[in-house]
Amino acid sequence: MIDVLYFAWVRERIGLPREQVETEAGTVAALVDELRGREERYALAFSDLSALRVAVDQDLTDFDASLEGVREVAFFPPMTGG
């Protein structure tokens, strides 16, 4: 079981701040594919991965990161300075 957290417009599109997901996915990308297949709101939120960043157990990483032993995955838009 992995805690999946959604921030900013990702949260708005999916309608949840977080959820627990039972997954057999081996990578973040595989998890995203599973989530996309759930409902249209997930497909919309994950339609453009170049507009998203991901953190695994609070460390920024890439979508090809392994999920082995992971407790938390967070999705959020890129941060901007200002």
C-alpha atoms as a PDB file:
ATOM      1  CA  MET A   1       0.000   0.000   0.000  1.00  0.00           C
ATOM      2  CA  ILE A   2       1.394   3.385  -1.022  1.00  0.00           C
ATOM      3  CA  ASP A   3       0.184   6.824   0.074  1.00  0.00           C
ATOM      4  CA  VAL A   4      -0.294   8.955  -3.038  1.00  0.00           C
ATOM      5  CA  LEU A   5      -0.440  12.727  -2.525  1.00  0.00           C
ATOM      6  CA  TYR A   6      -1.712  15.298  -5.019  1.00  0.00           C
ATOM      7  CA  PHE A   7      -0.914  19.016  -4.886  1.00  0.00           C
ATOM      8  CA  ALA A   8      -2.158  22.225  -6.569  1.00  0.00           C
ATOM      9  CA  TRP A   9      -4.044  21.691  -9.849  1.00  0.00           C
ATOM     10  CA  VAL A  10      -3.373  17.936  -9.734  1.00  0.00           C
ATOM     11  CA  ARG A  11      -5.441  17.800  -6.536  1.00  0.00           C
ATOM     12  CA  GLU A  12      -8.144  19.944  -8.136  1.00  0.00           C
ATOM     13  CA  ARG A  13      -8.451  17.686 -11.187  1.00  0.00           C
ATOM     14  CA  ILE A  14      -8.508  14.444  -9.211  1.00  0.00           C
ATOM     15  CA  GLY A  15     -10.606  15.835  -6.369  1.00  0.00           C
ATOM     16  CA  LEU A  16      -8.535  14.299  -3.565  1.00  0.00           C
ATOM     17  CA  PRO A  17      -5.550  15.541  -1.562  1.00  0.00           C
ATOM     18  CA  ARG A  18      -4.310  11.981  -0.929  1.00  0.00           C
ATOM     19  CA  GLU A  19      -5.296   8.344  -1.123  1.00  0.00           C
ATOM     20  CA  GLN A  20      -3.884   4.935  -0.355  1.00  0.00           C
ATOM     21  CA  VAL A  21      -3.255   2.859  -3.443  1.00  0.00           C
ATOM     22  CA  GLU A  22      -2.738  -0.896  -3.637  1.00  0.00           C
ATOM     23  CA  THR A  23      -0.427  -1.387  -6.611  1.00  0.00           C
ATOM     24  CA  GLU A  24       1.811  -3.917  -8.258  1.00  0.00           C
ATOM     25  CA  ALA A  25       3.572  -1.135 -10.200  1.00  0.00           C
ATOM     26  CA  GLY A  26       7.344  -1.321 -10.143  1.00  0.00           C
ATOM     27  CA  THR A  27       7.988   2.290 -11.137  1.00  0.00           C
ATOM     28  CA  VAL A  28       6.330   5.669 -10.795  1.00  0.00           C
ATOM     29  CA  ALA A  29       5.506   5.579 -14.519  1.00  0.00           C
ATOM     30  CA  ALA A  30       3.723   2.237 -14.109  1.00  0.00           C
ATOM     31  CA  LEU A  31       1.772   3.667 -11.171  1.00  0.00           C
ATOM     32  CA  VAL A  32       0.738   6.629 -13.325  1.00  0.00           C
ATOM     33  CA  ASP A  33      -0.465   4.215 -16.028  1.00  0.00           C
ATOM     34  CA  GLU A  34      -2.580   2.383 -13.424  1.00  0.00           C
ATOM     35  CA  LEU A  35      -4.034   5.643 -12.140  1.00  0.00           C
ATOM     36  CA  ARG A  36      -4.793   6.895 -15.674  1.00  0.00           C
ATOM     37  CA  GLY A  37      -6.830   3.757 -16.258  1.00  0.00           C
ATOM     38  CA  ARG A  38      -9.062   4.359 -13.244  1.00  0.00           C
ATOM     39  CA  GLU A  39     -11.247   7.251 -14.358  1.00  0.00           C
ATOM     40  CA  GLU A  40     -11.277  10.212 -16.716  1.00  0.00           C
ATOM     41  CA  ARG A  41     -10.234  12.632 -13.943  1.00  0.00           C
ATOM     42  CA  TYR A  42      -6.976  10.711 -13.442  1.00  0.00           C
ATOM     43  CA  ALA A  43      -6.380  10.525 -17.190  1.00  0.00           C
ATOM     44  CA  LEU A  44      -6.809  14.297 -17.366  1.00  0.00           C
ATOM     45  CA  ALA A  45      -4.527  14.989 -14.407  1.00  0.00           C
ATOM     46  CA  PHE A  46      -1.765  12.775 -15.831  1.00  0.00           C
ATOM     47  CA  SER A  47      -2.235  13.638 -19.507  1.00  0.00           C
ATOM     48  CA  ASP A  48       0.997  15.685 -19.736  1.00  0.00           C
ATOM     49  CA  LEU A  49       3.780  14.322 -17.543  1.00  0.00           C
ATOM     50  CA  SER A  50       6.104  17.122 -18.644  1.00  0.00           C
ATOM     51  CA  ALA A  51       3.854  19.424 -16.575  1.00  0.00           C
ATOM     52  CA  LEU A  52       4.368  17.324 -13.432  1.00  0.00           C
ATOM     53  CA  ARG A  53       7.076  16.633 -10.900  1.00  0.00           C
ATOM     54  CA  VAL A  54       7.198  13.627  -8.609  1.00  0.00           C
ATOM     55  CA  ALA A  55       8.686  12.918  -5.198  1.00  0.00           C
ATOM     56  CA  VAL A  56       9.169   9.466  -3.731  1.00  0.00           C
ATOM     57  CA  ASP A  57       9.362   9.383   0.062  1.00  0.00           C
ATOM     58  CA  GLN A  58       9.869  13.172  -0.078  1.00  0.00           C
ATOM     59  CA  ASP A  59      12.831  13.047  -2.489  1.00  0.00           C
ATOM     60  CA  LEU A  60      12.450  14.575  -5.952  1.00  0.00           C
ATOM     61  CA  THR A  61      12.920  11.928  -8.604  1.00  0.00           C
ATOM     62  CA  ASP A  62      11.996  10.885 -12.145  1.00  0.00           C
ATOM     63  CA  PHE A  63       9.048   8.877 -13.384  1.00  0.00           C
ATOM     64  CA  ASP A  64      11.295   5.853 -13.943  1.00  0.00           C
ATOM     65  CA  ALA A  65      12.079   5.666 -10.192  1.00  0.00           C
ATOM     66  CA  SER A  66      11.510   2.323  -8.497  1.00  0.00           C
ATOM     67  CA  LEU A  67       8.631   1.903  -6.056  1.00  0.00           C
ATOM     68  CA  GLU A  68      10.293  -0.937  -4.156  1.00  0.00           C
ATOM     69  CA  GLY A  69       9.931  -0.243  -0.437  1.00  0.00           C
ATOM     70  CA  VAL A  70       8.312   3.149  -1.078  1.00  0.00           C
ATOM     71  CA  ARG A  71       5.714   4.463   1.369  1.00  0.00           C
ATOM     72  CA  GLU A  72       4.727   7.747  -0.326  1.00  0.00           C
ATOM     73  CA  VAL A  73       4.540   9.219  -3.831  1.00  0.00           C
ATOM     74  CA  ALA A  74       3.633  12.880  -4.380  1.00  0.00           C
ATOM     75  CA  PHE A  75       2.637  14.565  -7.634  1.00  0.00           C
ATOM     76  CA  PHE A  76       2.795  18.337  -8.110  1.00  0.00           C
ATOM     77  CA  PRO A  77       3.385  20.986 -10.771  1.00  0.00           C
ATOM     78  CA  PRO A  78       6.870  22.469 -11.178  1.00  0.00           C
ATOM     79  CA  MET A  79       7.626  25.174  -8.657  1.00  0.00           C
ATOM     80  CA  THR A  80       8.221  28.649  -9.971  1.00  0.00           C
ATOM     81  CA  GLY A  81      10.314  31.368  -8.445  1.00  0.00           C
ATOM     82  CA  GLY A  82       9.173  34.872  -7.793  1.00  0.00           C
END
